[in-house]
Amino acid sequence: MVYDEILKGEERKIVSTRLYRPEFANFIKICESEGKSINAKLREMVRNEIGRKMGGVL
C-alpha cells in the first residue's frame, strides 16, 4: 500500500472512540464480511475520509 511505504518508520498516534454496543456489533459484522481486522478497517476508513476531505494529501 502506498501509505505504508510513505509512512514507514514515522511516528504513529493512537485514535480511539467509544461506541454503543449495537454500533460495535455492526462494525464487527462489516469487518468480518470484508475479511479485515478491526484495526485494518479503521485505518482504511480514516484514510478514505482524509482523502475525501483533503484530496489525498499523503
PDB file of N, CA and C in Angstrom:
ATOM      1  N   MET A   1       0.835  -1.171   0.000  1.00  0.00           N
ATOM      2  CA  MET A   1       0.000   0.000   0.000  1.00  0.00           C
ATOM      3  C   MET A   1       0.882   1.237   0.000  1.00  0.00           C
ATOM      4  N   VAL A   2       0.518   2.231  -0.718  1.00  0.00           N
ATOM      5  CA  VAL A   2       1.316   3.443  -0.862  1.00  0.00           C
ATOM      6  C   VAL A   2       1.567   4.103   0.483  1.00  0.00           C
ATOM      7  N   TYR A   3       0.539   4.219   1.319  1.00  0.00           N
ATOM      8  CA  TYR A   3       0.680   4.897   2.598  1.00  0.00           C
ATOM      9  C   TYR A   3       1.698   4.208   3.485  1.00  0.00           C
ATOM     10  N   ASP A   4       1.720   2.888   3.489  1.00  0.00           N
ATOM     11  CA  ASP A   4       2.646   2.148   4.332  1.00  0.00           C
ATOM     12  C   ASP A   4       4.089   2.466   3.962  1.00  0.00           C
ATOM     13  N   GLU A   5       4.358   2.635   2.680  1.00  0.00           N
ATOM     14  CA  GLU A   5       5.713   2.947   2.244  1.00  0.00           C
ATOM     15  C   GLU A   5       6.091   4.378   2.618  1.00  0.00           C
ATOM     16  N   ILE A   6       5.160   5.316   2.440  1.00  0.00           N
ATOM     17  CA  ILE A   6       5.439   6.714   2.753  1.00  0.00           C
ATOM     18  C   ILE A   6       5.667   6.897   4.249  1.00  0.00           C
ATOM     19  N   LEU A   7       4.881   6.236   5.054  1.00  0.00           N
ATOM     20  CA  LEU A   7       4.912   6.440   6.496  1.00  0.00           C
ATOM     21  C   LEU A   7       5.794   5.448   7.235  1.00  0.00           C
ATOM     22  N   LYS A   8       6.532   4.637   6.519  1.00  0.00           N
ATOM     23  CA  LYS A   8       7.359   3.620   7.158  1.00  0.00           C
ATOM     24  C   LYS A   8       8.341   4.284   8.129  1.00  0.00           C
ATOM     25  N   GLY A   9       8.306   3.848   9.369  1.00  0.00           N
ATOM     26  CA  GLY A   9       9.214   4.380  10.372  1.00  0.00           C
ATOM     27  C   GLY A   9       8.763   5.690  10.998  1.00  0.00           C
ATOM     28  N   GLU A  10       7.667   6.257  10.508  1.00  0.00           N
ATOM     29  CA  GLU A  10       7.176   7.512  11.060  1.00  0.00           C
ATOM     30  C   GLU A  10       6.515   7.262  12.408  1.00  0.00           C
ATOM     31  N   GLU A  11       6.403   8.312  13.182  1.00  0.00           N
ATOM     32  CA  GLU A  11       5.731   8.224  14.473  1.00  0.00           C
ATOM     33  C   GLU A  11       4.256   7.918  14.254  1.00  0.00           C
ATOM     34  N   ARG A  12       3.710   7.091  15.094  1.00  0.00           N
ATOM     35  CA  ARG A  12       2.297   6.725  14.989  1.00  0.00           C
ATOM     36  C   ARG A  12       1.544   7.297  16.175  1.00  0.00           C
ATOM     37  N   LYS A  13       0.305   7.619  15.953  1.00  0.00           N
ATOM     38  CA  LYS A  13      -0.574   8.137  17.001  1.00  0.00           C
ATOM     39  C   LYS A  13      -1.732   7.173  17.190  1.00  0.00           C
ATOM     40  N   ILE A  14      -2.293   7.163  18.366  1.00  0.00           N
ATOM     41  CA  ILE A  14      -3.417   6.287  18.680  1.00  0.00           C
ATOM     42  C   ILE A  14      -4.701   7.096  18.619  1.00  0.00           C
ATOM     43  N   VAL A  15      -5.711   6.521  17.975  1.00  0.00           N
ATOM     44  CA  VAL A  15      -7.034   7.131  17.891  1.00  0.00           C
ATOM     45  C   VAL A  15      -8.012   6.152  18.520  1.00  0.00           C
ATOM     46  N   SER A  16      -8.880   6.663  19.373  1.00  0.00           N
ATOM     47  CA  SER A  16      -9.864   5.769  19.990  1.00  0.00           C
ATOM     48  C   SER A  16     -11.206   6.478  20.115  1.00  0.00           C
ATOM     49  N   THR A  17     -12.237   5.686  20.285  1.00  0.00           N
ATOM     50  CA  THR A  17     -13.578   6.214  20.489  1.00  0.00           C
ATOM     51  C   THR A  17     -14.401   5.198  21.255  1.00  0.00           C
ATOM     52  N   ARG A  18     -15.516   5.625  21.740  1.00  0.00           N
ATOM     53  CA  ARG A  18     -16.452   4.720  22.409  1.00  0.00           C
ATOM     54  C   ARG A  18     -17.662   4.567  21.507  1.00  0.00           C
ATOM     55  N   LEU A  19     -18.069   3.337  21.320  1.00  0.00           N
ATOM     56  CA  LEU A  19     -19.241   3.039  20.500  1.00  0.00           C
ATOM     57  C   LEU A  19     -20.289   2.355  21.356  1.00  0.00           C
ATOM     58  N   TYR A  20     -21.529   2.587  21.000  1.00  0.00           N
ATOM     59  CA  TYR A  20     -22.596   1.830  21.646  1.00  0.00           C
ATOM     60  C   TYR A  20     -22.508   0.391  21.156  1.00  0.00           C
ATOM     61  N   ARG A  21     -22.989  -0.525  21.963  1.00  0.00           N
ATOM     62  CA  ARG A  21     -22.904  -1.953  21.659  1.00  0.00           C
ATOM     63  C   ARG A  21     -23.456  -2.296  20.264  1.00  0.00           C
ATOM     64  N   PRO A  22     -24.639  -1.775  19.864  1.00  0.00           N
ATOM     65  CA  PRO A  22     -25.163  -2.100  18.526  1.00  0.00           C
ATOM     66  C   PRO A  22     -24.266  -1.574  17.397  1.00  0.00           C
ATOM     67  N   GLU A  23     -23.684  -0.381  17.596  1.00  0.00           N
ATOM     68  CA  GLU A  23     -22.774   0.167  16.583  1.00  0.00           C
ATOM     69  C   GLU A  23     -21.543  -0.721  16.441  1.00  0.00           C
ATOM     70  N   PHE A  24     -21.001  -1.152  17.571  1.00  0.00           N
ATOM     71  CA  PHE A  24     -19.820  -2.010  17.533  1.00  0.00           C
ATOM     72  C   PHE A  24     -20.138  -3.351  16.889  1.00  0.00           C
ATOM     73  N   ALA A  25     -21.297  -3.900  17.210  1.00  0.00           N
ATOM     74  CA  ALA A  25     -21.700  -5.183  16.620  1.00  0.00           C
ATOM     75  C   ALA A  25     -21.811  -5.066  15.104  1.00  0.00           C
ATOM     76  N   ASN A  26     -22.387  -3.972  14.627  1.00  0.00           N
ATOM     77  CA  ASN A  26     -22.492  -3.758  13.179  1.00  0.00           C
ATOM     78  C   ASN A  26     -21.118  -3.564  12.548  1.00  0.00           C
ATOM     79  N   PHE A  27     -20.237  -2.856  13.251  1.00  0.00           N
ATOM     80  CA  PHE A  27     -18.880  -2.650  12.737  1.00  0.00           C
ATOM     81  C   PHE A  27     -18.138  -3.982  12.626  1.00  0.00           C
ATOM     82  N   ILE A  28     -18.281  -4.832  13.627  1.00  0.00           N
ATOM     83  CA  ILE A  28     -17.656  -6.161  13.595  1.00  0.00           C
ATOM     84  C   ILE A  28     -18.184  -6.961  12.406  1.00  0.00           C
ATOM     85  N   LYS A  29     -19.481  -6.885  12.146  1.00  0.00           N
ATOM     86  CA  LYS A  29     -20.067  -7.592  11.002  1.00  0.00           C
ATOM     87  C   LYS A  29     -19.452  -7.113   9.695  1.00  0.00           C
ATOM     88  N   ILE A  30     -19.256  -5.803   9.570  1.00  0.00           N
ATOM     89  CA  ILE A  30     -18.631  -5.249   8.362  1.00  0.00           C
ATOM     90  C   ILE A  30     -17.214  -5.787   8.219  1.00  0.00           C
ATOM     91  N   CYS A  31     -16.442  -5.756   9.303  1.00  0.00           N
ATOM     92  CA  CYS A  31     -15.057  -6.247   9.275  1.00  0.00           C
ATOM     93  C   CYS A  31     -15.008  -7.711   8.859  1.00  0.00           C
ATOM     94  N   GLU A  32     -15.866  -8.518   9.452  1.00  0.00           N
ATOM     95  CA  GLU A  32     -15.881  -9.949   9.139  1.00  0.00           C
ATOM     96  C   GLU A  32     -16.294 -10.202   7.699  1.00  0.00           C
ATOM     97  N   SER A  33     -17.272  -9.447   7.209  1.00  0.00           N
ATOM     98  CA  SER A  33     -17.737  -9.654   5.833  1.00  0.00           C
ATOM     99  C   SER A  33     -16.663  -9.288   4.813  1.00  0.00           C
ATOM    100  N   GLU A  34     -15.780  -8.341   5.179  1.00  0.00           N
ATOM    101  CA  GLU A  34     -14.698  -7.930   4.284  1.00  0.00           C
ATOM    102  C   GLU A  34     -13.403  -8.684   4.562  1.00  0.00           C
ATOM    103  N   GLY A  35     -13.401  -9.514   5.596  1.00  0.00           N
ATOM    104  CA  GLY A  35     -12.201 -10.278   5.932  1.00  0.00           C
ATOM    105  C   GLY A  35     -11.064  -9.410   6.438  1.00  0.00           C
ATOM    106  N   LYS A  36     -11.397  -8.338   7.148  1.00  0.00           N
ATOM    107  CA  LYS A  36     -10.383  -7.409   7.651  1.00  0.00           C
ATOM    108  C   LYS A  36     -10.429  -7.374   9.169  1.00  0.00           C
ATOM    109  N   SER A  37      -9.277  -7.074   9.754  1.00  0.00           N
ATOM    110  CA  SER A  37      -9.238  -6.898  11.201  1.00  0.00           C
ATOM    111  C   SER A  37      -9.870  -5.550  11.543  1.00  0.00           C
ATOM    112  N   ILE A  38     -10.184  -5.372  12.807  1.00  0.00           N
ATOM    113  CA  ILE A  38     -10.759  -4.100  13.250  1.00  0.00           C
ATOM    114  C   ILE A  38      -9.796  -2.960  12.947  1.00  0.00           C
ATOM    115  N   ASN A  39      -8.519  -3.151  13.270  1.00  0.00           N
ATOM    116  CA  ASN A  39      -7.531  -2.095  13.031  1.00  0.00           C
ATOM    117  C   ASN A  39      -7.370  -1.787  11.551  1.00  0.00           C
ATOM    118  N   ALA A  40      -7.328  -2.810  10.722  1.00  0.00           N
ATOM    119  CA  ALA A  40      -7.180  -2.588   9.280  1.00  0.00           C
ATOM    120  C   ALA A  40      -8.367  -1.809   8.727  1.00  0.00           C
ATOM    121  N   LYS A  41      -9.570  -2.157   9.161  1.00  0.00           N
ATOM    122  CA  LYS A  41     -10.770  -1.464   8.680  1.00  0.00           C
ATOM    123  C   LYS A  41     -10.794  -0.019   9.166  1.00  0.00           C
ATOM    124  N   LEU A  42     -10.415   0.212  10.423  1.00  0.00           N
ATOM    125  CA  LEU A  42     -10.372   1.580  10.940  1.00  0.00           C
ATOM    126  C   LEU A  42      -9.361   2.427  10.176  1.00  0.00           C
ATOM    127  N   ARG A  43      -8.166   1.873   9.921  1.00  0.00           N
ATOM    128  CA  ARG A  43      -7.159   2.612   9.147  1.00  0.00           C
ATOM    129  C   ARG A  43      -7.688   2.944   7.763  1.00  0.00           C
ATOM    130  N   GLU A  44      -8.348   1.977   7.128  1.00  0.00           N
ATOM    131  CA  GLU A  44      -8.918   2.195   5.801  1.00  0.00           C
ATOM    132  C   GLU A  44      -9.954   3.320   5.833  1.00  0.00           C
ATOM    133  N   MET A  45     -10.827   3.292   6.827  1.00  0.00           N
ATOM    134  CA  MET A  45     -11.878   4.302   6.926  1.00  0.00           C
ATOM    135  C   MET A  45     -11.294   5.695   7.170  1.00  0.00           C
ATOM    136  N   VAL A  46     -10.287   5.788   8.031  1.00  0.00           N
ATOM    137  CA  VAL A  46      -9.654   7.078   8.303  1.00  0.00           C
ATOM    138  C   VAL A  46      -8.962   7.595   7.050  1.00  0.00           C
ATOM    139  N   ARG A  47      -8.222   6.737   6.362  1.00  0.00           N
ATOM    140  CA  ARG A  47      -7.541   7.156   5.130  1.00  0.00           C
ATOM    141  C   ARG A  47      -8.529   7.605   4.064  1.00  0.00           C
ATOM    142  N   ASN A  48      -9.638   6.895   3.925  1.00  0.00           N
ATOM    143  CA  ASN A  48     -10.659   7.287   2.948  1.00  0.00           C
ATOM    144  C   ASN A  48     -11.250   8.645   3.289  1.00  0.00           C
ATOM    145  N   GLU A  49     -11.524   8.871   4.550  1.00  0.00           N
ATOM    146  CA  GLU A  49     -12.104  10.147   4.981  1.00  0.00           C
ATOM    147  C   GLU A  49     -11.123  11.293   4.755  1.00  0.00           C
ATOM    148  N   ILE A  50      -9.869  11.076   5.093  1.00  0.00           N
ATOM    149  CA  ILE A  50      -8.853  12.101   4.869  1.00  0.00           C
ATOM    150  C   ILE A  50      -8.714  12.384   3.380  1.00  0.00           C
ATOM    151  N   GLY A  51      -8.666  11.342   2.572  1.00  0.00           N
ATOM    152  CA  GLY A  51      -8.557  11.515   1.124  1.00  0.00           C
ATOM    153  C   GLY A  51      -9.742  12.262   0.543  1.00  0.00           C
ATOM    154  N   ARG A  52     -10.927  11.981   1.056  1.00  0.00           N
ATOM    155  CA  ARG A  52     -12.136  12.627   0.567  1.00  0.00           C
ATOM    156  C   ARG A  52     -12.166  14.111   0.940  1.00  0.00           C
ATOM    157  N   LYS A  53     -11.736  14.431   2.150  1.00  0.00           N
ATOM    158  CA  LYS A  53     -11.834  15.807   2.632  1.00  0.00           C
ATOM    159  C   LYS A  53     -10.606  16.656   2.325  1.00  0.00           C
ATOM    160  N   MET A  54      -9.462  16.011   2.164  1.00  0.00           N
ATOM    161  CA  MET A  54      -8.234  16.769   1.958  1.00  0.00           C
ATOM    162  C   MET A  54      -7.598  16.493   0.604  1.00  0.00           C
ATOM    163  N   GLY A  55      -8.246  15.712  -0.220  1.00  0.00           N
ATOM    164  CA  GLY A  55      -7.725  15.461  -1.561  1.00  0.00           C
ATOM    165  C   GLY A  55      -6.493  14.594  -1.598  1.00  0.00           C
ATOM    166  N   GLY A  56      -6.343  13.711  -0.651  1.00  0.00           N
ATOM    167  CA  GLY A  56      -5.206  12.793  -0.666  1.00  0.00           C
ATOM    168  C   GLY A  56      -3.886  13.485  -0.423  1.00  0.00           C
ATOM    169  N   VAL A  57      -3.784  14.249   0.648  1.00  0.00           N
ATOM    170  CA  VAL A  57      -2.573  14.989   0.981  1.00  0.00           C
ATOM    171  C   VAL A  57      -1.368  14.075   1.090  1.00  0.00           C
ATOM    172  N   LEU A  58      -1.561  12.879   1.644  1.00  0.00           N
ATOM    173  CA  LEU A  58      -0.435  11.943   1.790  1.00  0.00           C
ATOM    174  C   LEU A  58      -0.124  11.255   0.492  1.00  0.00           C
TER     175      LEU A  58
END
